[in-house]
């Protein structure tokens, strides 16, 4: 049996994502993602609060006006954004925004 050197083990893990055959590249998340970027809100938008996401599903949202919205309504969603709870993270409610709309705002919580 051949021994695999440790540097190769880091690039070719035993556990693979389906369809992924390339070597892994270690990257820092802060170098490939933006966290909570600033945006300008429209006058009216669809607001998604903490209770609106259960597991990985958005189960509700509500229409809010910019001047009446909760203080946590601060960032517009863009397709491909990942939302996760910083408040009560043990609930593991996370959402990948893949809707074609540009008027959804998620709670910063």
PDB file of N, CA and C in Angstrom:
ATOM      1  N   UNK A   1       0.845  -1.178   0.000  1.00  0.00           N
ATOM      2  CA  UNK A   1       0.000   0.000   0.000  1.00  0.00           C
ATOM      3  C   UNK A   1       0.890   1.241   0.000  1.00  0.00           C
ATOM      4  N   UNK A   2       0.612   2.171  -0.895  1.00  0.00           N
ATOM      5  CA  UNK A   2       1.393   3.402  -0.988  1.00  0.00           C
ATOM      6  C   UNK A   2       0.921   4.392   0.067  1.00  0.00           C
ATOM      7  N   UNK A   3       1.872   5.118   0.600  1.00  0.00           N
ATOM      8  CA  UNK A   3       1.547   6.140   1.593  1.00  0.00           C
ATOM      9  C   UNK A   3       1.372   7.481   0.883  1.00  0.00           C
ATOM     10  N   UNK A   4       0.260   8.182   1.191  1.00  0.00           N
ATOM     11  CA  UNK A   4      -0.005   9.492   0.594  1.00  0.00           C
ATOM     12  C   UNK A   4       0.576  10.561   1.498  1.00  0.00           C
ATOM     13  N   UNK A   5       1.353  11.435   0.915  1.00  0.00           N
ATOM     14  CA  UNK A   5       1.979  12.485   1.718  1.00  0.00           C
ATOM     15  C   UNK A   5       0.929  13.496   2.191  1.00  0.00           C
ATOM     16  N   UNK A   6       1.164  14.109   3.366  1.00  0.00           N
ATOM     17  CA  UNK A   6       0.179  14.986   4.022  1.00  0.00           C
ATOM     18  C   UNK A   6      -0.258  16.168   3.166  1.00  0.00           C
ATOM     19  N   UNK A   7       0.632  16.723   2.337  1.00  0.00           N
ATOM     20  CA  UNK A   7       0.244  17.873   1.520  1.00  0.00           C
ATOM     21  C   UNK A   7      -0.781  17.469   0.452  1.00  0.00           C
ATOM     22  N   UNK A   8      -0.716  16.244  -0.023  1.00  0.00           N
ATOM     23  CA  UNK A   8      -1.693  15.754  -1.003  1.00  0.00           C
ATOM     24  C   UNK A   8      -3.031  15.500  -0.312  1.00  0.00           C
ATOM     25  N   UNK A   9      -3.026  14.973   0.908  1.00  0.00           N
ATOM     26  CA  UNK A   9      -4.264  14.714   1.654  1.00  0.00           C
ATOM     27  C   UNK A   9      -5.099  15.982   1.805  1.00  0.00           C
ATOM     28  N   UNK A  10      -4.453  17.126   2.022  1.00  0.00           N
ATOM     29  CA  UNK A  10      -5.177  18.383   2.216  1.00  0.00           C
ATOM     30  C   UNK A  10      -5.879  18.835   0.939  1.00  0.00           C
ATOM     31  N   UNK A  11      -5.342  18.455  -0.230  1.00  0.00           N
ATOM     32  CA  UNK A  11      -5.909  18.901  -1.500  1.00  0.00           C
ATOM     33  C   UNK A  11      -6.892  17.895  -2.093  1.00  0.00           C
ATOM     34  N   UNK A  12      -6.834  16.654  -1.646  1.00  0.00           N
ATOM     35  CA  UNK A  12      -7.722  15.616  -2.164  1.00  0.00           C
ATOM     36  C   UNK A  12      -8.370  14.906  -0.966  1.00  0.00           C
ATOM     37  N   UNK A  13      -9.433  15.511  -0.416  1.00  0.00           N
ATOM     38  CA  UNK A  13     -10.065  14.940   0.785  1.00  0.00           C
ATOM     39  C   UNK A  13     -10.854  13.672   0.482  1.00  0.00           C
ATOM     40  N   UNK A  14     -11.069  12.872   1.510  1.00  0.00           N
ATOM     41  CA  UNK A  14     -11.869  11.653   1.363  1.00  0.00           C
ATOM     42  C   UNK A  14     -13.332  11.979   1.102  1.00  0.00           C
ATOM     43  N   UNK A  15     -13.869  12.954   1.812  1.00  0.00           N
ATOM     44  CA  UNK A  15     -15.265  13.357   1.667  1.00  0.00           C
ATOM     45  C   UNK A  15     -15.371  14.380   0.544  1.00  0.00           C
ATOM     46  N   UNK A  16     -16.203  14.077  -0.452  1.00  0.00           N
ATOM     47  CA  UNK A  16     -16.300  14.929  -1.633  1.00  0.00           C
ATOM     48  C   UNK A  16     -17.719  15.430  -1.835  1.00  0.00           C
ATOM     49  N   UNK A  17     -17.865  16.607  -2.435  1.00  0.00           N
ATOM     50  CA  UNK A  17     -19.166  17.075  -2.883  1.00  0.00           C
ATOM     51  C   UNK A  17     -19.486  16.358  -4.182  1.00  0.00           C
ATOM     52  N   UNK A  18     -20.742  16.015  -4.399  1.00  0.00           N
ATOM     53  CA  UNK A  18     -21.154  15.316  -5.610  1.00  0.00           C
ATOM     54  C   UNK A  18     -20.725  16.117  -6.842  1.00  0.00           C
ATOM     55  N   UNK A  19     -20.058  15.448  -7.762  1.00  0.00           N
ATOM     56  CA  UNK A  19     -19.630  16.077  -8.999  1.00  0.00           C
ATOM     57  C   UNK A  19     -18.352  16.889  -8.886  1.00  0.00           C
ATOM     58  N   UNK A  20     -17.763  16.974  -7.704  1.00  0.00           N
ATOM     59  CA  UNK A  20     -16.539  17.752  -7.512  1.00  0.00           C
ATOM     60  C   UNK A  20     -15.352  16.814  -7.523  1.00  0.00           C
ATOM     61  N   UNK A  21     -14.466  16.977  -8.498  1.00  0.00           N
ATOM     62  CA  UNK A  21     -13.308  16.087  -8.601  1.00  0.00           C
ATOM     63  C   UNK A  21     -11.981  16.839  -8.548  1.00  0.00           C
ATOM     64  N   UNK A  22     -12.024  18.164  -8.629  1.00  0.00           N
ATOM     65  CA  UNK A  22     -10.796  18.964  -8.613  1.00  0.00           C
ATOM     66  C   UNK A  22     -10.154  18.955  -7.233  1.00  0.00           C
ATOM     67  N   UNK A  23      -8.909  19.399  -7.186  1.00  0.00           N
ATOM     68  CA  UNK A  23      -8.233  19.560  -5.908  1.00  0.00           C
ATOM     69  C   UNK A  23      -8.891  20.709  -5.141  1.00  0.00           C
ATOM     70  N   UNK A  24      -8.820  20.647  -3.824  1.00  0.00           N
ATOM     71  CA  UNK A  24      -9.337  21.721  -2.982  1.00  0.00           C
ATOM     72  C   UNK A  24      -8.306  22.824  -2.914  1.00  0.00           C
ATOM     73  N   UNK A  25      -8.798  24.044  -2.751  1.00  0.00           N
ATOM     74  CA  UNK A  25      -7.928  25.182  -2.539  1.00  0.00           C
ATOM     75  C   UNK A  25      -8.386  25.869  -1.264  1.00  0.00           C
ATOM     76  N   UNK A  26      -7.504  26.006  -0.313  1.00  0.00           N
ATOM     77  CA  UNK A  26      -7.871  26.655   0.947  1.00  0.00           C
ATOM     78  C   UNK A  26      -7.891  28.160   0.742  1.00  0.00           C
ATOM     79  N   UNK A  27      -9.028  28.783   1.118  1.00  0.00           N
ATOM     80  CA  UNK A  27      -9.193  30.232   0.980  1.00  0.00           C
ATOM     81  C   UNK A  27      -9.846  30.756   2.244  1.00  0.00           C
ATOM     82  N   UNK A  28      -9.589  31.990   2.569  1.00  0.00           N
ATOM     83  CA  UNK A  28     -10.259  32.630   3.696  1.00  0.00           C
ATOM     84  C   UNK A  28     -11.583  33.189   3.200  1.00  0.00           C
ATOM     85  N   UNK A  29     -12.647  32.947   3.952  1.00  0.00           N
ATOM     86  CA  UNK A  29     -13.972  33.381   3.549  1.00  0.00           C
ATOM     87  C   UNK A  29     -14.023  34.890   3.308  1.00  0.00           C
ATOM     88  N   UNK A  30     -13.335  35.650   4.141  1.00  0.00           N
ATOM     89  CA  UNK A  30     -13.345  37.110   3.987  1.00  0.00           C
ATOM     90  C   UNK A  30     -12.735  37.568   2.664  1.00  0.00           C
ATOM     91  N   UNK A  31     -11.942  36.706   2.003  1.00  0.00           N
ATOM     92  CA  UNK A  31     -11.324  37.054   0.732  1.00  0.00           C
ATOM     93  C   UNK A  31     -12.213  36.753  -0.473  1.00  0.00           C
ATOM     94  N   UNK A  32     -13.281  35.981  -0.274  1.00  0.00           N
ATOM     95  CA  UNK A  32     -14.131  35.607  -1.407  1.00  0.00           C
ATOM     96  C   UNK A  32     -15.594  36.006  -1.224  1.00  0.00           C
ATOM     97  N   UNK A  33     -15.922  36.670  -0.116  1.00  0.00           N
ATOM     98  CA  UNK A  33     -17.313  37.039   0.152  1.00  0.00           C
ATOM     99  C   UNK A  33     -17.382  38.444   0.742  1.00  0.00           C
ATOM    100  N   UNK A  34     -18.532  39.078   0.577  1.00  0.00           N
ATOM    101  CA  UNK A  34     -18.804  40.354   1.230  1.00  0.00           C
ATOM    102  C   UNK A  34     -19.766  40.075   2.372  1.00  0.00           C
ATOM    103  N   UNK A  35     -19.532  40.704   3.503  1.00  0.00           N
ATOM    104  CA  UNK A  35     -20.403  40.519   4.652  1.00  0.00           C
ATOM    105  C   UNK A  35     -21.167  41.796   4.929  1.00  0.00           C
ATOM    106  N   UNK A  36     -22.493  41.695   4.817  1.00  0.00           N
ATOM    107  CA  UNK A  36     -23.375  42.798   5.166  1.00  0.00           C
ATOM    108  C   UNK A  36     -23.038  44.101   4.428  1.00  0.00           C
ATOM    109  N   UNK A  37     -22.951  44.057   3.089  1.00  0.00           N
ATOM    110  CA  UNK A  37     -22.623  45.282   2.358  1.00  0.00           C
ATOM    111  C   UNK A  37     -23.738  46.318   2.465  1.00  0.00           C
ATOM    112  N   UNK A  38     -23.379  47.573   2.457  1.00  0.00           N
ATOM    113  CA  UNK A  38     -24.354  48.666   2.559  1.00  0.00           C
ATOM    114  C   UNK A  38     -25.157  48.786   1.264  1.00  0.00           C
ATOM    115  N   UNK A  39     -26.453  49.065   1.393  1.00  0.00           N
ATOM    116  CA  UNK A  39     -27.315  49.286   0.235  1.00  0.00           C
ATOM    117  C   UNK A  39     -28.318  50.394   0.558  1.00  0.00           C
ATOM    118  N   UNK A  40     -28.908  50.944  -0.494  1.00  0.00           N
ATOM    119  CA  UNK A  40     -29.966  51.941  -0.341  1.00  0.00           C
ATOM    120  C   UNK A  40     -31.292  51.211  -0.544  1.00  0.00           C
ATOM    121  N   UNK A  41     -32.191  51.358   0.407  1.00  0.00           N
ATOM    122  CA  UNK A  41     -33.471  50.666   0.329  1.00  0.00           C
ATOM    123  C   UNK A  41     -34.464  51.409  -0.548  1.00  0.00           C
ATOM    124  N   UNK A  42     -35.299  50.649  -1.268  1.00  0.00           N
ATOM    125  CA  UNK A  42     -36.378  51.296  -2.022  1.00  0.00           C
ATOM    126  C   UNK A  42     -37.447  51.799  -1.046  1.00  0.00           C
ATOM    127  N   UNK A  43     -38.364  52.613  -1.524  1.00  0.00           N
ATOM    128  CA  UNK A  43     -39.423  53.149  -0.666  1.00  0.00           C
ATOM    129  C   UNK A  43     -40.316  52.053  -0.097  1.00  0.00           C
ATOM    130  N   UNK A  44     -40.503  50.971  -0.849  1.00  0.00           N
ATOM    131  CA  UNK A  44     -41.303  49.829  -0.390  1.00  0.00           C
ATOM    132  C   UNK A  44     -40.578  48.542  -0.773  1.00  0.00           C
ATOM    133  N   UNK A  45     -40.611  47.542   0.104  1.00  0.00           N
ATOM    134  CA  UNK A  45     -39.899  46.287  -0.154  1.00  0.00           C
ATOM    135  C   UNK A  45     -40.539  45.141   0.609  1.00  0.00           C
ATOM    136  N   UNK A  46     -40.114  43.927   0.279  1.00  0.00           N
ATOM    137  CA  UNK A  46     -40.556  42.717   0.969  1.00  0.00           C
ATOM    138  C   UNK A  46     -39.542  42.425   2.072  1.00  0.00           C
ATOM    139  N   UNK A  47     -40.015  42.396   3.311  1.00  0.00           N
ATOM    140  CA  UNK A  47     -39.132  42.207   4.469  1.00  0.00           C
ATOM    141  C   UNK A  47     -39.206  40.773   4.965  1.00  0.00           C
ATOM    142  N   UNK A  48     -38.044  40.189   5.201  1.00  0.00           N
ATOM    143  CA  UNK A  48     -37.939  38.823   5.713  1.00  0.00           C
ATOM    144  C   UNK A  48     -37.286  38.906   7.084  1.00  0.00           C
ATOM    145  N   UNK A  49     -38.064  38.621   8.143  1.00  0.00           N
ATOM    146  CA  UNK A  49     -37.513  38.689   9.496  1.00  0.00           C
ATOM    147  C   UNK A  49     -37.034  37.310   9.945  1.00  0.00           C
ATOM    148  N   UNK A  50     -36.550  37.222  11.170  1.00  0.00           N
ATOM    149  CA  UNK A  50     -35.984  35.966  11.674  1.00  0.00           C
ATOM    150  C   UNK A  50     -36.968  34.805  11.646  1.00  0.00           C
ATOM    151  N   UNK A  51     -38.222  35.076  11.931  1.00  0.00           N
ATOM    152  CA  UNK A  51     -39.227  34.011  11.968  1.00  0.00           C
ATOM    153  C   UNK A  51     -39.694  33.592  10.573  1.00  0.00           C
ATOM    154  N   UNK A  52     -39.275  34.306   9.544  1.00  0.00           N
ATOM    155  CA  UNK A  52     -39.714  34.026   8.172  1.00  0.00           C
ATOM    156  C   UNK A  52     -38.935  32.908   7.501  1.00  0.00           C
ATOM    157  N   UNK A  53     -37.821  32.492   8.101  1.00  0.00           N
ATOM    158  CA  UNK A  53     -37.019  31.401   7.550  1.00  0.00           C
ATOM    159  C   UNK A  53     -36.983  30.278   8.575  1.00  0.00           C
ATOM    160  N   UNK A  54     -37.349  29.089   8.118  1.00  0.00           N
ATOM    161  CA  UNK A  54     -37.303  27.894   8.968  1.00  0.00           C
ATOM    162  C   UNK A  54     -36.471  26.856   8.235  1.00  0.00           C
ATOM    163  N   UNK A  55     -35.400  26.412   8.887  1.00  0.00           N
ATOM    164  CA  UNK A  55     -34.482  25.495   8.211  1.00  0.00           C
ATOM    165  C   UNK A  55     -33.834  26.234   7.058  1.00  0.00           C
ATOM    166  N   UNK A  56     -34.109  25.775   5.838  1.00  0.00           N
ATOM    167  CA  UNK A  56     -33.569  26.438   4.647  1.00  0.00           C
ATOM    168  C   UNK A  56     -34.669  27.000   3.754  1.00  0.00           C
ATOM    169  N   UNK A  57     -35.881  27.119   4.299  1.00  0.00           N
ATOM    170  CA  UNK A  57     -37.031  27.594   3.515  1.00  0.00           C
ATOM    171  C   UNK A  57     -37.539  28.941   4.008  1.00  0.00           C
ATOM    172  N   UNK A  58     -37.844  29.846   3.083  1.00  0.00           N
ATOM    173  CA  UNK A  58     -38.520  31.097   3.439  1.00  0.00           C
ATOM    174  C   UNK A  58     -40.017  30.769   3.472  1.00  0.00           C
ATOM    175  N   UNK A  59     -40.634  30.920   4.624  1.00  0.00           N
ATOM    176  CA  UNK A  59     -42.043  30.560   4.754  1.00  0.00           C
ATOM    177  C   UNK A  59     -42.967  31.777   4.700  1.00  0.00           C
ATOM    178  N   UNK A  60     -42.404  32.981   4.837  1.00  0.00           N
ATOM    179  CA  UNK A  60     -43.240  34.181   4.774  1.00  0.00           C
ATOM    180  C   UNK A  60     -42.367  35.413   4.554  1.00  0.00           C
ATOM    181  N   UNK A  61     -43.000  36.501   4.243  1.00  0.00           N
ATOM    182  CA  UNK A  61     -42.390  37.830   4.156  1.00  0.00           C
ATOM    183  C   UNK A  61     -43.535  38.828   4.188  1.00  0.00           C
ATOM    184  N   UNK A  62     -43.222  40.077   4.403  1.00  0.00           N
ATOM    185  CA  UNK A  62     -44.283  41.088   4.440  1.00  0.00           C
ATOM    186  C   UNK A  62     -43.804  42.365   3.763  1.00  0.00           C
ATOM    187  N   UNK A  63     -44.734  43.117   3.227  1.00  0.00           N
ATOM    188  CA  UNK A  63     -44.413  44.382   2.578  1.00  0.00           C
ATOM    189  C   UNK A  63     -44.210  45.455   3.649  1.00  0.00           C
ATOM    190  N   UNK A  64     -43.125  46.184   3.520  1.00  0.00           N
ATOM    191  CA  UNK A  64     -42.799  47.274   4.455  1.00  0.00           C
ATOM    192  C   UNK A  64     -42.467  48.532   3.656  1.00  0.00           C
ATOM    193  N   UNK A  65     -42.703  49.666   4.265  1.00  0.00           N
ATOM    194  CA  UNK A  65     -42.239  50.922   3.672  1.00  0.00           C
ATOM    195  C   UNK A  65     -40.944  51.314   4.382  1.00  0.00           C
ATOM    196  N   UNK A  66     -40.085  52.001   3.664  1.00  0.00           N
ATOM    197  CA  UNK A  66     -38.772  52.356   4.210  1.00  0.00           C
ATOM    198  C   UNK A  66     -38.891  53.149   5.507  1.00  0.00           C
ATOM    199  N   UNK A  67     -39.829  54.067   5.579  1.00  0.00           N
ATOM    200  CA  UNK A  67     -39.936  54.916   6.773  1.00  0.00           C
ATOM    201  C   UNK A  67     -40.603  54.222   7.959  1.00  0.00           C
ATOM    202  N   UNK A  68     -41.267  53.072   7.749  1.00  0.00           N
ATOM    203  CA  UNK A  68     -41.920  52.350   8.845  1.00  0.00           C
ATOM    204  C   UNK A  68     -41.246  51.004   9.162  1.00  0.00           C
ATOM    205  N   UNK A  69     -40.206  50.670   8.439  1.00  0.00           N
ATOM    206  CA  UNK A  69     -39.569  49.355   8.575  1.00  0.00           C
ATOM    207  C   UNK A  69     -38.805  49.224   9.891  1.00  0.00           C
ATOM    208  N   UNK A  70     -38.647  47.982  10.385  1.00  0.00           N
ATOM    209  CA  UNK A  70     -37.843  47.754  11.581  1.00  0.00           C
ATOM    210  C   UNK A  70     -36.390  48.188  11.355  1.00  0.00           C
ATOM    211  N   UNK A  71     -35.707  48.518  12.421  1.00  0.00           N
ATOM    212  CA  UNK A  71     -34.313  48.991  12.305  1.00  0.00           C
ATOM    213  C   UNK A  71     -33.390  47.918  11.726  1.00  0.00           C
ATOM    214  N   UNK A  72     -33.764  46.651  11.853  1.00  0.00           N
ATOM    215  CA  UNK A  72     -32.934  45.567  11.306  1.00  0.00           C
ATOM    216  C   UNK A  72     -33.085  45.397   9.796  1.00  0.00           C
ATOM    217  N   UNK A  73     -33.990  46.120   9.182  1.00  0.00           N
ATOM    218  CA  UNK A  73     -34.175  46.069   7.720  1.00  0.00           C
ATOM    219  C   UNK A  73     -33.199  47.054   7.095  1.00  0.00           C
ATOM    220  N   UNK A  74     -32.035  46.560   6.662  1.00  0.00           N
ATOM    221  CA  UNK A  74     -31.004  47.475   6.191  1.00  0.00           C
ATOM    222  C   UNK A  74     -30.342  47.091   4.879  1.00  0.00           C
ATOM    223  N   UNK A  75     -30.479  45.830   4.419  1.00  0.00           N
ATOM    224  CA  UNK A  75     -29.730  45.395   3.249  1.00  0.00           C
ATOM    225  C   UNK A  75     -30.623  44.694   2.232  1.00  0.00           C
ATOM    226  N   UNK A  76     -30.514  45.092   0.974  1.00  0.00           N
ATOM    227  CA  UNK A  76     -31.240  44.440  -0.109  1.00  0.00           C
ATOM    228  C   UNK A  76     -30.584  43.101  -0.448  1.00  0.00           C
ATOM    229  N   UNK A  77     -31.405  42.092  -0.709  1.00  0.00           N
ATOM    230  CA  UNK A  77     -30.894  40.781  -1.108  1.00  0.00           C
ATOM    231  C   UNK A  77     -30.563  40.785  -2.590  1.00  0.00           C
ATOM    232  N   UNK A  78     -29.514  40.042  -2.933  1.00  0.00           N
ATOM    233  CA  UNK A  78     -29.147  39.821  -4.322  1.00  0.00           C
ATOM    234  C   UNK A  78     -29.083  38.321  -4.562  1.00  0.00           C
ATOM    235  N   UNK A  79     -29.430  37.900  -5.768  1.00  0.00           N
ATOM    236  CA  UNK A  79     -29.408  36.480  -6.086  1.00  0.00           C
ATOM    237  C   UNK A  79     -28.034  35.908  -5.757  1.00  0.00           C
ATOM    238  N   UNK A  80     -28.028  34.797  -5.019  1.00  0.00           N
ATOM    239  CA  UNK A  80     -26.785  34.161  -4.602  1.00  0.00           C
ATOM    240  C   UNK A  80     -26.357  34.504  -3.188  1.00  0.00           C
ATOM    241  N   UNK A  81     -27.030  35.474  -2.552  1.00  0.00           N
ATOM    242  CA  UNK A  81     -26.706  35.823  -1.164  1.00  0.00           C
ATOM    243  C   UNK A  81     -27.089  34.676  -0.234  1.00  0.00           C
ATOM    244  N   UNK A  82     -26.292  34.473   0.786  1.00  0.00           N
ATOM    245  CA  UNK A  82     -26.581  33.471   1.816  1.00  0.00           C
ATOM    246  C   UNK A  82     -26.917  34.229   3.093  1.00  0.00           C
ATOM    247  N   UNK A  83     -28.081  33.924   3.654  1.00  0.00           N
ATOM    248  CA  UNK A  83     -28.504  34.553   4.896  1.00  0.00           C
ATOM    249  C   UNK A  83     -28.468  33.524   6.006  1.00  0.00           C
ATOM    250  N   UNK A  84     -27.913  33.902   7.136  1.00  0.00           N
ATOM    251  CA  UNK A  84     -27.843  33.016   8.292  1.00  0.00           C
ATOM    252  C   UNK A  84     -28.119  33.833   9.537  1.00  0.00           C
ATOM    253  N   UNK A  85     -28.638  33.162  10.547  1.00  0.00           N
ATOM    254  CA  UNK A  85     -28.994  33.851  11.786  1.00  0.00           C
ATOM    255  C   UNK A  85     -27.777  34.096  12.648  1.00  0.00           C
ATOM    256  N   UNK A  86     -27.598  35.332  13.077  1.00  0.00           N
ATOM    257  CA  UNK A  86     -26.585  35.635  14.087  1.00  0.00           C
ATOM    258  C   UNK A  86     -27.237  35.663  15.462  1.00  0.00           C
ATOM    259  N   UNK A  87     -28.570  35.806  15.480  1.00  0.00           N
ATOM    260  CA  UNK A  87     -29.359  35.740  16.703  1.00  0.00           C
ATOM    261  C   UNK A  87     -29.961  34.330  16.745  1.00  0.00           C
ATOM    262  N   UNK A  88     -29.797  33.617  17.822  1.00  0.00           N
ATOM    263  CA  UNK A  88     -30.281  32.232  17.969  1.00  0.00           C
ATOM    264  C   UNK A  88     -29.734  31.308  16.868  1.00  0.00           C
ATOM    265  N   UNK A  89     -28.411  31.284  16.653  1.00  0.00           N
ATOM    266  CA  UNK A  89     -27.849  30.456  15.586  1.00  0.00           C
ATOM    267  C   UNK A  89     -28.086  28.956  15.774  1.00  0.00           C
ATOM    268  N   UNK A  90     -28.376  28.539  16.997  1.00  0.00           N
ATOM    269  CA  UNK A  90     -28.659  27.123  17.261  1.00  0.00           C
ATOM    270  C   UNK A  90     -29.893  26.637  16.505  1.00  0.00           C
ATOM    271  N   UNK A  91     -30.742  27.562  16.050  1.00  0.00           N
ATOM    272  CA  UNK A  91     -31.927  27.164  15.281  1.00  0.00           C
ATOM    273  C   UNK A  91     -31.554  26.717  13.867  1.00  0.00           C
ATOM    274  N   UNK A  92     -30.354  27.076  13.424  1.00  0.00           N
ATOM    275  CA  UNK A  92     -29.825  26.678  12.115  1.00  0.00           C
ATOM    276  C   UNK A  92     -30.751  27.045  10.965  1.00  0.00           C
ATOM    277  N   UNK A  93     -31.286  28.248  11.002  1.00  0.00           N
ATOM    278  CA  UNK A  93     -32.111  28.765   9.910  1.00  0.00           C
ATOM    279  C   UNK A  93     -31.206  29.543   8.956  1.00  0.00           C
ATOM    280  N   UNK A  94     -31.070  29.040   7.743  1.00  0.00           N
ATOM    281  CA  UNK A  94     -30.201  29.625   6.730  1.00  0.00           C
ATOM    282  C   UNK A  94     -30.943  29.634   5.404  1.00  0.00           C
ATOM    283  N   UNK A  95     -30.668  30.634   4.589  1.00  0.00           N
ATOM    284  CA  UNK A  95     -31.404  30.732   3.340  1.00  0.00           C
ATOM    285  C   UNK A  95     -30.506  31.215   2.210  1.00  0.00           C
ATOM    286  N   UNK A  96     -30.551  30.519   1.091  1.00  0.00           N
ATOM    287  CA  UNK A  96     -29.861  30.947  -0.119  1.00  0.00           C
ATOM    288  C   UNK A  96     -30.873  31.684  -0.976  1.00  0.00           C
ATOM    289  N   UNK A  97     -30.649  32.976  -1.177  1.00  0.00           N
ATOM    290  CA  UNK A  97     -31.597  33.790  -1.930  1.00  0.00           C
ATOM    291  C   UNK A  97     -31.390  33.536  -3.422  1.00  0.00           C
ATOM    292  N   UNK A  98     -32.402  32.943  -4.050  1.00  0.00           N
ATOM    293  CA  UNK A  98     -32.299  32.650  -5.477  1.00  0.00           C
ATOM    294  C   UNK A  98     -33.498  33.165  -6.265  1.00  0.00           C
ATOM    295  N   UNK A  99     -34.233  34.087  -5.669  1.00  0.00           N
ATOM    296  CA  UNK A  99     -35.390  34.667  -6.358  1.00  0.00           C
ATOM    297  C   UNK A  99     -34.933  35.754  -7.327  1.00  0.00           C
ATOM    298  N   UNK A 100     -35.684  35.984  -8.398  1.00  0.00           N
ATOM    299  CA  UNK A 100     -35.277  36.979  -9.400  1.00  0.00           C
ATOM    300  C   UNK A 100     -35.700  38.418  -9.060  1.00  0.00           C
ATOM    301  N   UNK A 101     -36.112  38.663  -7.825  1.00  0.00           N
ATOM    302  CA  UNK A 101     -36.618  39.983  -7.438  1.00  0.00           C
ATOM    303  C   UNK A 101     -35.533  40.813  -6.772  1.00  0.00           C
ATOM    304  N   UNK A 102     -35.610  42.126  -6.953  1.00  0.00           N
ATOM    305  CA  UNK A 102     -34.616  43.011  -6.363  1.00  0.00           C
ATOM    306  C   UNK A 102     -35.196  43.888  -5.265  1.00  0.00           C
ATOM    307  N   UNK A 103     -36.270  43.397  -4.626  1.00  0.00           N
ATOM    308  CA  UNK A 103     -36.906  44.212  -3.587  1.00  0.00           C
ATOM    309  C   UNK A 103     -37.110  43.437  -2.281  1.00  0.00           C
ATOM    310  N   UNK A 104     -36.245  42.471  -1.982  1.00  0.00           N
ATOM    311  CA  UNK A 104     -36.321  41.729  -0.729  1.00  0.00           C
ATOM    312  C   UNK A 104     -35.223  42.224   0.207  1.00  0.00           C
ATOM    313  N   UNK A 105     -35.600  42.416   1.452  1.00  0.00           N
ATOM    314  CA  UNK A 105     -34.669  42.853   2.482  1.00  0.00           C
ATOM    315  C   UNK A 105     -34.764  41.859   3.628  1.00  0.00           C
ATOM    316  N   UNK A 106     -33.623  41.350   4.089  1.00  0.00           N
ATOM    317  CA  UNK A 106     -33.584  40.397   5.182  1.00  0.00           C
ATOM    318  C   UNK A 106     -33.153  41.086   6.460  1.00  0.00           C
ATOM    319  N   UNK A 107     -33.667  40.628   7.574  1.00  0.00           N
ATOM    320  CA  UNK A 107     -33.270  41.153   8.880  1.00  0.00           C
ATOM    321  C   UNK A 107     -31.769  40.971   9.063  1.00  0.00           C
ATOM    322  N   UNK A 108     -31.125  41.948   9.654  1.00  0.00           N
ATOM    323  CA  UNK A 108     -29.694  41.811   9.945  1.00  0.00           C
ATOM    324  C   UNK A 108     -29.442  40.881  11.118  1.00  0.00           C
ATOM    325  N   UNK A 109     -30.517  40.456  11.790  1.00  0.00           N
ATOM    326  CA  UNK A 109     -30.385  39.476  12.871  1.00  0.00           C
ATOM    327  C   UNK A 109     -30.112  38.109  12.318  1.00  0.00           C
TER     328      UNK A 109
END
